């Protein structure tokens, strides 16, 4: 089965989705999904249990409306995770989040990469009026 590929640039990220031929249903055409770094509201890393091995993933929340999930099996993954802290100020670098996500095995281990935990509001934060 063809896999998506990731192309990270200074102004945007392109995800190329290859055409998928199907026998009993309409084929899915190839397309490119694009988002700019400015659209990124948050990024989290986590892991999926795929029975034999774990799969490291990141999920981008765009404009607080849409999410895009990418994983380490996609071509371009390494370049993308290197660029996240370069183009999202304050984002954690891979060496700051990878171990938290990778261990223990077979647990999802959700970790906020951007905005940094100190900059994001959680339910215990009280905003003075």
N, C-alpha and C. Protein backbone atom coordinates (compact mmCIF):
# COMPACT_ATOMS: atom_id res chain seq x y z
N UNK A 1 0.84 -1.17 0.00
CA UNK A 1 0.00 0.00 0.00
C UNK A 1 0.89 1.24 0.00
N UNK A 2 0.63 2.21 -0.87
CA UNK A 2 1.46 3.41 -0.93
C UNK A 2 1.32 4.22 0.35
N UNK A 3 2.39 4.92 0.71
CA UNK A 3 2.39 5.70 1.93
C UNK A 3 2.51 7.19 1.61
N UNK A 4 2.00 8.00 2.50
CA UNK A 4 2.12 9.45 2.35
C UNK A 4 3.57 9.84 2.59
N UNK A 5 3.96 10.98 2.03
CA UNK A 5 5.30 11.50 2.28
C UNK A 5 5.18 12.94 2.77
N UNK A 6 6.14 13.33 3.62
CA UNK A 6 6.14 14.63 4.27
C UNK A 6 7.26 15.47 3.68
N UNK A 7 6.94 16.72 3.34
CA UNK A 7 7.93 17.66 2.82
C UNK A 7 7.81 18.94 3.64
N UNK A 8 8.79 19.17 4.52
CA UNK A 8 8.76 20.34 5.40
C UNK A 8 9.64 21.44 4.82
N UNK A 9 9.09 22.65 4.75
CA UNK A 9 9.77 23.83 4.22
C UNK A 9 9.72 24.93 5.27
N UNK A 10 10.51 26.00 5.11
CA UNK A 10 10.48 27.09 6.09
C UNK A 10 9.12 27.76 6.24
N UNK A 11 8.29 27.75 5.20
CA UNK A 11 7.00 28.44 5.28
C UNK A 11 5.80 27.50 5.39
N UNK A 12 6.00 26.21 5.16
CA UNK A 12 4.86 25.29 5.11
C UNK A 12 5.30 23.84 5.23
N UNK A 13 4.30 22.97 5.37
CA UNK A 13 4.50 21.52 5.33
C UNK A 13 3.54 20.97 4.29
N UNK A 14 4.06 20.16 3.37
CA UNK A 14 3.24 19.48 2.36
C UNK A 14 3.20 18.00 2.69
N UNK A 15 2.02 17.42 2.63
CA UNK A 15 1.87 15.97 2.79
C UNK A 15 1.33 15.45 1.47
N UNK A 16 2.12 14.65 0.79
CA UNK A 16 1.69 14.11 -0.49
C UNK A 16 1.01 12.75 -0.24
N UNK A 17 -0.23 12.69 -0.68
CA UNK A 17 -1.03 11.48 -0.53
C UNK A 17 -1.10 10.82 -1.91
N UNK A 18 -0.53 9.61 -2.05
CA UNK A 18 -0.53 8.97 -3.37
C UNK A 18 -1.91 8.43 -3.76
N UNK A 19 -2.09 8.25 -5.03
CA UNK A 19 -3.33 7.67 -5.54
C UNK A 19 -3.45 6.24 -5.03
N UNK A 20 -4.66 5.87 -4.68
CA UNK A 20 -4.91 4.50 -4.22
C UNK A 20 -5.92 3.85 -5.14
N UNK A 21 -5.49 2.78 -5.77
CA UNK A 21 -6.39 2.02 -6.66
C UNK A 21 -7.17 1.02 -5.81
N UNK A 22 -8.45 0.94 -6.08
CA UNK A 22 -9.30 -0.02 -5.36
C UNK A 22 -10.06 -0.86 -6.37
N UNK A 23 -10.35 -2.07 -6.00
CA UNK A 23 -11.02 -2.99 -6.92
C UNK A 23 -12.52 -2.78 -6.93
N UNK A 24 -13.16 -2.72 -5.79
CA UNK A 24 -14.61 -2.67 -5.74
C UNK A 24 -15.18 -1.29 -5.41
N UNK A 25 -14.32 -0.32 -5.18
CA UNK A 25 -14.78 1.03 -4.90
C UNK A 25 -13.98 2.01 -5.75
N UNK A 26 -14.49 3.22 -5.83
CA UNK A 26 -13.82 4.25 -6.60
C UNK A 26 -12.41 4.50 -6.04
N UNK A 27 -11.43 4.64 -6.94
CA UNK A 27 -10.06 4.91 -6.52
C UNK A 27 -9.98 6.30 -5.91
N UNK A 28 -9.02 6.46 -5.02
CA UNK A 28 -8.79 7.75 -4.37
C UNK A 28 -7.68 8.46 -5.15
N UNK A 29 -7.94 9.66 -5.64
CA UNK A 29 -6.91 10.37 -6.43
C UNK A 29 -5.77 10.87 -5.54
N UNK A 30 -4.62 11.06 -6.17
CA UNK A 30 -3.48 11.64 -5.46
C UNK A 30 -3.80 13.10 -5.12
N UNK A 31 -3.28 13.56 -3.99
CA UNK A 31 -3.47 14.96 -3.63
C UNK A 31 -2.36 15.39 -2.70
N UNK A 32 -2.20 16.69 -2.57
CA UNK A 32 -1.24 17.25 -1.63
C UNK A 32 -1.99 18.11 -0.62
N UNK A 33 -1.77 17.82 0.64
CA UNK A 33 -2.35 18.61 1.72
C UNK A 33 -1.24 19.53 2.23
N UNK A 34 -1.56 20.81 2.41
CA UNK A 34 -0.56 21.79 2.83
C UNK A 34 -1.07 22.57 4.03
N UNK A 35 -0.16 22.83 4.97
CA UNK A 35 -0.46 23.77 6.04
C UNK A 35 0.77 24.62 6.30
N UNK A 36 0.55 25.84 6.75
CA UNK A 36 1.66 26.73 7.09
C UNK A 36 1.98 26.58 8.57
N UNK A 37 3.20 26.95 8.93
CA UNK A 37 3.58 26.90 10.34
C UNK A 37 2.72 27.84 11.18
N UNK A 38 2.26 28.95 10.58
CA UNK A 38 1.43 29.91 11.31
C UNK A 38 0.06 29.32 11.67
N UNK A 39 -0.39 28.33 10.93
CA UNK A 39 -1.68 27.70 11.22
C UNK A 39 -1.63 26.75 12.41
N UNK A 40 -0.44 26.37 12.83
CA UNK A 40 -0.30 25.36 13.88
C UNK A 40 -0.63 25.95 15.24
N UNK A 41 -1.68 25.42 15.86
CA UNK A 41 -2.09 25.86 17.20
C UNK A 41 -1.43 25.00 18.28
N UNK A 42 -1.26 23.71 18.00
CA UNK A 42 -0.60 22.82 18.96
C UNK A 42 -0.07 21.58 18.24
N UNK A 43 0.91 20.95 18.88
CA UNK A 43 1.49 19.71 18.37
C UNK A 43 1.67 18.78 19.57
N UNK A 44 1.22 17.55 19.42
CA UNK A 44 1.42 16.53 20.46
C UNK A 44 2.02 15.30 19.82
N UNK A 45 2.83 14.60 20.60
CA UNK A 45 3.41 13.33 20.15
C UNK A 45 2.79 12.22 20.99
N UNK A 46 2.65 11.07 20.40
CA UNK A 46 2.11 9.91 21.11
C UNK A 46 2.53 8.66 20.35
N UNK A 47 2.12 7.53 20.88
CA UNK A 47 2.51 6.28 20.25
C UNK A 47 1.29 5.39 20.10
N UNK A 48 1.22 4.72 18.96
CA UNK A 48 0.17 3.74 18.69
C UNK A 48 0.72 2.34 18.87
N UNK A 49 -0.04 1.51 19.54
CA UNK A 49 0.31 0.09 19.69
C UNK A 49 -0.16 -0.62 18.43
N UNK A 50 0.77 -1.08 17.62
CA UNK A 50 0.40 -1.79 16.38
C UNK A 50 0.62 -3.29 16.55
N UNK A 51 0.46 -3.78 17.75
CA UNK A 51 0.53 -5.18 18.16
C UNK A 51 1.95 -5.72 18.27
N UNK A 52 2.75 -5.62 17.24
CA UNK A 52 4.11 -6.14 17.31
C UNK A 52 5.09 -5.05 17.73
N UNK A 53 4.92 -3.87 17.20
CA UNK A 53 5.79 -2.73 17.53
C UNK A 53 4.93 -1.51 17.83
N UNK A 54 5.56 -0.49 18.36
CA UNK A 54 4.88 0.78 18.56
C UNK A 54 5.20 1.71 17.40
N UNK A 55 4.30 2.63 17.12
CA UNK A 55 4.47 3.60 16.04
C UNK A 55 4.39 4.99 16.65
N UNK A 56 5.49 5.75 16.55
CA UNK A 56 5.54 7.12 17.08
C UNK A 56 4.80 8.03 16.09
N UNK A 57 3.92 8.88 16.61
CA UNK A 57 3.11 9.77 15.79
C UNK A 57 3.15 11.18 16.35
N UNK A 58 2.86 12.16 15.50
CA UNK A 58 2.60 13.53 15.96
C UNK A 58 1.28 13.95 15.36
N UNK A 59 0.57 14.75 16.11
CA UNK A 59 -0.70 15.28 15.62
C UNK A 59 -0.62 16.81 15.69
N UNK A 60 -0.89 17.44 14.56
CA UNK A 60 -0.90 18.89 14.44
C UNK A 60 -2.34 19.37 14.53
N UNK A 61 -2.61 20.32 15.40
CA UNK A 61 -3.92 20.97 15.44
C UNK A 61 -3.76 22.28 14.68
N UNK A 62 -4.57 22.47 13.66
CA UNK A 62 -4.47 23.64 12.79
C UNK A 62 -5.65 24.57 13.01
N UNK A 63 -5.37 25.82 13.29
CA UNK A 63 -6.41 26.84 13.48
C UNK A 63 -7.50 26.42 14.46
N UNK A 64 -7.16 25.55 15.37
CA UNK A 64 -8.12 25.05 16.38
C UNK A 64 -9.36 24.40 15.75
N UNK A 65 -9.20 23.90 14.50
CA UNK A 65 -10.34 23.30 13.79
C UNK A 65 -10.04 21.92 13.22
N UNK A 66 -8.84 21.73 12.72
CA UNK A 66 -8.50 20.53 11.97
C UNK A 66 -7.27 19.88 12.59
N UNK A 67 -7.19 18.57 12.51
CA UNK A 67 -5.98 17.88 12.96
C UNK A 67 -5.43 17.03 11.82
N UNK A 68 -4.10 16.91 11.82
CA UNK A 68 -3.41 16.05 10.86
C UNK A 68 -2.44 15.19 11.65
N UNK A 69 -2.54 13.88 11.45
CA UNK A 69 -1.67 12.95 12.14
C UNK A 69 -0.63 12.42 11.16
N UNK A 70 0.64 12.45 11.59
CA UNK A 70 1.75 11.94 10.79
C UNK A 70 2.52 10.94 11.65
N UNK A 71 3.26 10.01 11.02
CA UNK A 71 3.97 9.02 11.81
C UNK A 71 5.38 8.78 11.28
N UNK A 72 6.17 8.10 12.10
CA UNK A 72 7.58 7.89 11.82
C UNK A 72 7.86 7.00 10.61
N UNK A 73 6.87 6.31 10.10
CA UNK A 73 7.06 5.46 8.93
C UNK A 73 6.98 6.25 7.62
N UNK A 74 6.53 7.48 7.68
CA UNK A 74 6.37 8.30 6.48
C UNK A 74 7.70 8.90 6.05
N UNK A 75 8.02 8.82 4.76
CA UNK A 75 9.23 9.49 4.28
C UNK A 75 9.16 10.99 4.60
N UNK A 76 10.25 11.54 5.11
CA UNK A 76 10.30 12.94 5.47
C UNK A 76 10.09 13.21 6.96
N UNK A 77 9.77 12.17 7.72
CA UNK A 77 9.51 12.29 9.16
C UNK A 77 10.68 12.95 9.90
N UNK A 78 11.89 12.45 9.70
CA UNK A 78 13.05 12.97 10.45
C UNK A 78 13.25 14.46 10.21
N UNK A 79 13.13 14.87 8.97
CA UNK A 79 13.29 16.28 8.64
C UNK A 79 12.19 17.12 9.31
N UNK A 80 10.97 16.61 9.30
CA UNK A 80 9.85 17.32 9.93
C UNK A 80 10.11 17.54 11.41
N UNK A 81 10.47 16.49 12.15
CA UNK A 81 10.64 16.65 13.60
C UNK A 81 11.85 17.54 13.92
N UNK A 82 12.84 17.61 13.02
CA UNK A 82 13.95 18.55 13.21
C UNK A 82 13.48 19.99 13.04
N UNK A 83 12.54 20.21 12.14
CA UNK A 83 12.09 21.57 11.82
C UNK A 83 11.07 22.12 12.81
N UNK A 84 10.38 21.28 13.54
CA UNK A 84 9.34 21.75 14.45
C UNK A 84 9.87 22.83 15.40
N UNK A 85 10.96 22.60 16.14
CA UNK A 85 11.41 23.68 17.04
C UNK A 85 12.00 24.89 16.31
N UNK A 86 12.41 24.72 15.06
CA UNK A 86 12.95 25.86 14.31
C UNK A 86 11.85 26.83 13.90
N UNK A 87 10.67 26.31 13.57
CA UNK A 87 9.61 27.15 13.03
C UNK A 87 8.42 27.35 13.98
N UNK A 88 8.44 26.67 15.11
CA UNK A 88 7.43 26.88 16.15
C UNK A 88 8.17 27.28 17.42
N UNK A 89 8.35 28.57 17.66
CA UNK A 89 9.14 29.05 18.79
C UNK A 89 8.70 28.43 20.12
N UNK A 90 9.67 27.90 20.83
CA UNK A 90 9.39 27.29 22.14
C UNK A 90 9.03 25.83 22.07
N UNK A 91 8.84 25.27 20.88
CA UNK A 91 8.48 23.85 20.75
C UNK A 91 9.64 22.99 21.25
N UNK A 92 9.30 21.86 21.83
CA UNK A 92 10.31 20.93 22.31
C UNK A 92 11.03 20.27 21.12
N UNK A 93 12.33 20.09 21.27
CA UNK A 93 13.12 19.37 20.27
C UNK A 93 12.90 17.86 20.48
N UNK A 94 13.18 17.07 19.46
CA UNK A 94 12.94 15.63 19.53
C UNK A 94 13.65 14.99 20.73
N UNK A 95 14.86 15.43 21.04
CA UNK A 95 15.57 14.82 22.17
C UNK A 95 14.92 15.15 23.52
N UNK A 96 14.01 16.13 23.55
CA UNK A 96 13.29 16.48 24.78
C UNK A 96 11.99 15.70 24.94
N UNK A 97 11.43 15.16 23.85
CA UNK A 97 10.14 14.47 23.97
C UNK A 97 10.19 12.99 23.59
N UNK A 98 11.15 12.57 22.80
CA UNK A 98 11.12 11.21 22.26
C UNK A 98 11.09 10.13 23.34
N UNK A 99 11.95 10.22 24.34
CA UNK A 99 12.00 9.20 25.39
C UNK A 99 10.70 9.15 26.18
N UNK A 100 10.08 10.33 26.41
CA UNK A 100 8.80 10.38 27.14
C UNK A 100 7.71 9.63 26.37
N UNK A 101 7.78 9.68 25.05
CA UNK A 101 6.77 9.03 24.21
C UNK A 101 7.10 7.55 24.01
N UNK A 102 8.36 7.24 23.81
CA UNK A 102 8.78 5.87 23.47
C UNK A 102 8.65 4.89 24.62
N UNK A 103 8.76 5.36 25.86
CA UNK A 103 8.75 4.45 27.02
C UNK A 103 7.69 4.88 28.02
N UNK A 104 6.99 3.95 28.62
CA UNK A 104 7.07 2.51 28.46
C UNK A 104 6.41 2.04 27.16
N UNK A 105 6.80 0.88 26.73
CA UNK A 105 6.27 0.30 25.49
C UNK A 105 4.77 0.04 25.62
N UNK A 106 4.09 0.13 24.49
CA UNK A 106 2.67 -0.22 24.35
C UNK A 106 1.71 0.65 25.16
N UNK A 107 2.15 1.82 25.56
CA UNK A 107 1.28 2.82 26.18
C UNK A 107 1.34 4.06 25.29
N UNK A 108 0.26 4.81 25.19
CA UNK A 108 0.21 5.92 24.24
C UNK A 108 1.14 7.08 24.61
N UNK A 109 1.32 7.38 25.87
CA UNK A 109 2.29 8.39 26.35
C UNK A 109 2.16 9.74 25.64
N UNK A 110 0.96 10.32 25.62
CA UNK A 110 0.73 11.63 24.98
C UNK A 110 1.65 12.67 25.62
N UNK A 111 2.34 13.44 24.77
CA UNK A 111 3.26 14.47 25.22
C UNK A 111 3.06 15.72 24.38
N UNK A 112 2.83 16.85 25.05
CA UNK A 112 2.65 18.13 24.35
C UNK A 112 4.02 18.63 23.91
N UNK A 113 4.14 18.92 22.61
CA UNK A 113 5.39 19.45 22.06
C UNK A 113 5.29 20.96 21.89
N UNK A 114 4.12 21.43 21.48
CA UNK A 114 3.92 22.85 21.22
C UNK A 114 2.46 23.19 21.44
N UNK A 115 2.11 24.31 22.06
CA UNK A 115 3.05 25.17 22.76
C UNK A 115 3.62 24.44 23.97
N UNK A 116 4.76 24.91 24.47
CA UNK A 116 5.36 24.25 25.63
C UNK A 116 4.35 24.19 26.77
N UNK A 117 4.42 23.18 27.61
CA UNK A 117 3.45 23.05 28.70
C UNK A 117 3.31 24.30 29.55
N UNK A 118 4.38 25.05 29.76
CA UNK A 118 4.29 26.26 30.58
C UNK A 118 3.50 27.38 29.91
N UNK A 119 3.36 27.32 28.56
CA UNK A 119 2.63 28.36 27.84
C UNK A 119 1.18 27.98 27.58
N UNK A 120 0.84 26.72 27.72
CA UNK A 120 -0.54 26.31 27.42
C UNK A 120 -1.36 26.34 28.71
N UNK A 121 -2.61 26.65 28.56
CA UNK A 121 -3.52 26.68 29.71
C UNK A 121 -4.13 25.31 29.91
N UNK A 122 -4.26 24.91 31.16
CA UNK A 122 -4.98 23.68 31.44
C UNK A 122 -6.15 24.00 32.35
N UNK A 123 -6.93 23.00 32.70
CA UNK A 123 -8.16 23.25 33.45
C UNK A 123 -7.91 23.79 34.85
N UNK A 124 -6.69 23.66 35.39
CA UNK A 124 -6.41 24.17 36.72
C UNK A 124 -5.96 25.63 36.71
N UNK A 125 -5.77 26.21 35.53
CA UNK A 125 -5.33 27.59 35.43
C UNK A 125 -6.51 28.52 35.62
N UNK A 126 -6.35 29.50 36.49
CA UNK A 126 -7.39 30.48 36.73
C UNK A 126 -6.96 31.80 36.09
N UNK A 127 -7.82 32.38 35.31
CA UNK A 127 -7.53 33.66 34.67
C UNK A 127 -8.23 34.75 35.46
N UNK A 128 -7.44 35.71 35.93
CA UNK A 128 -8.01 36.82 36.72
C UNK A 128 -8.83 37.73 35.83
N UNK A 129 -9.95 38.22 36.34
CA UNK A 129 -10.80 39.13 35.56
C UNK A 129 -10.67 40.53 36.07
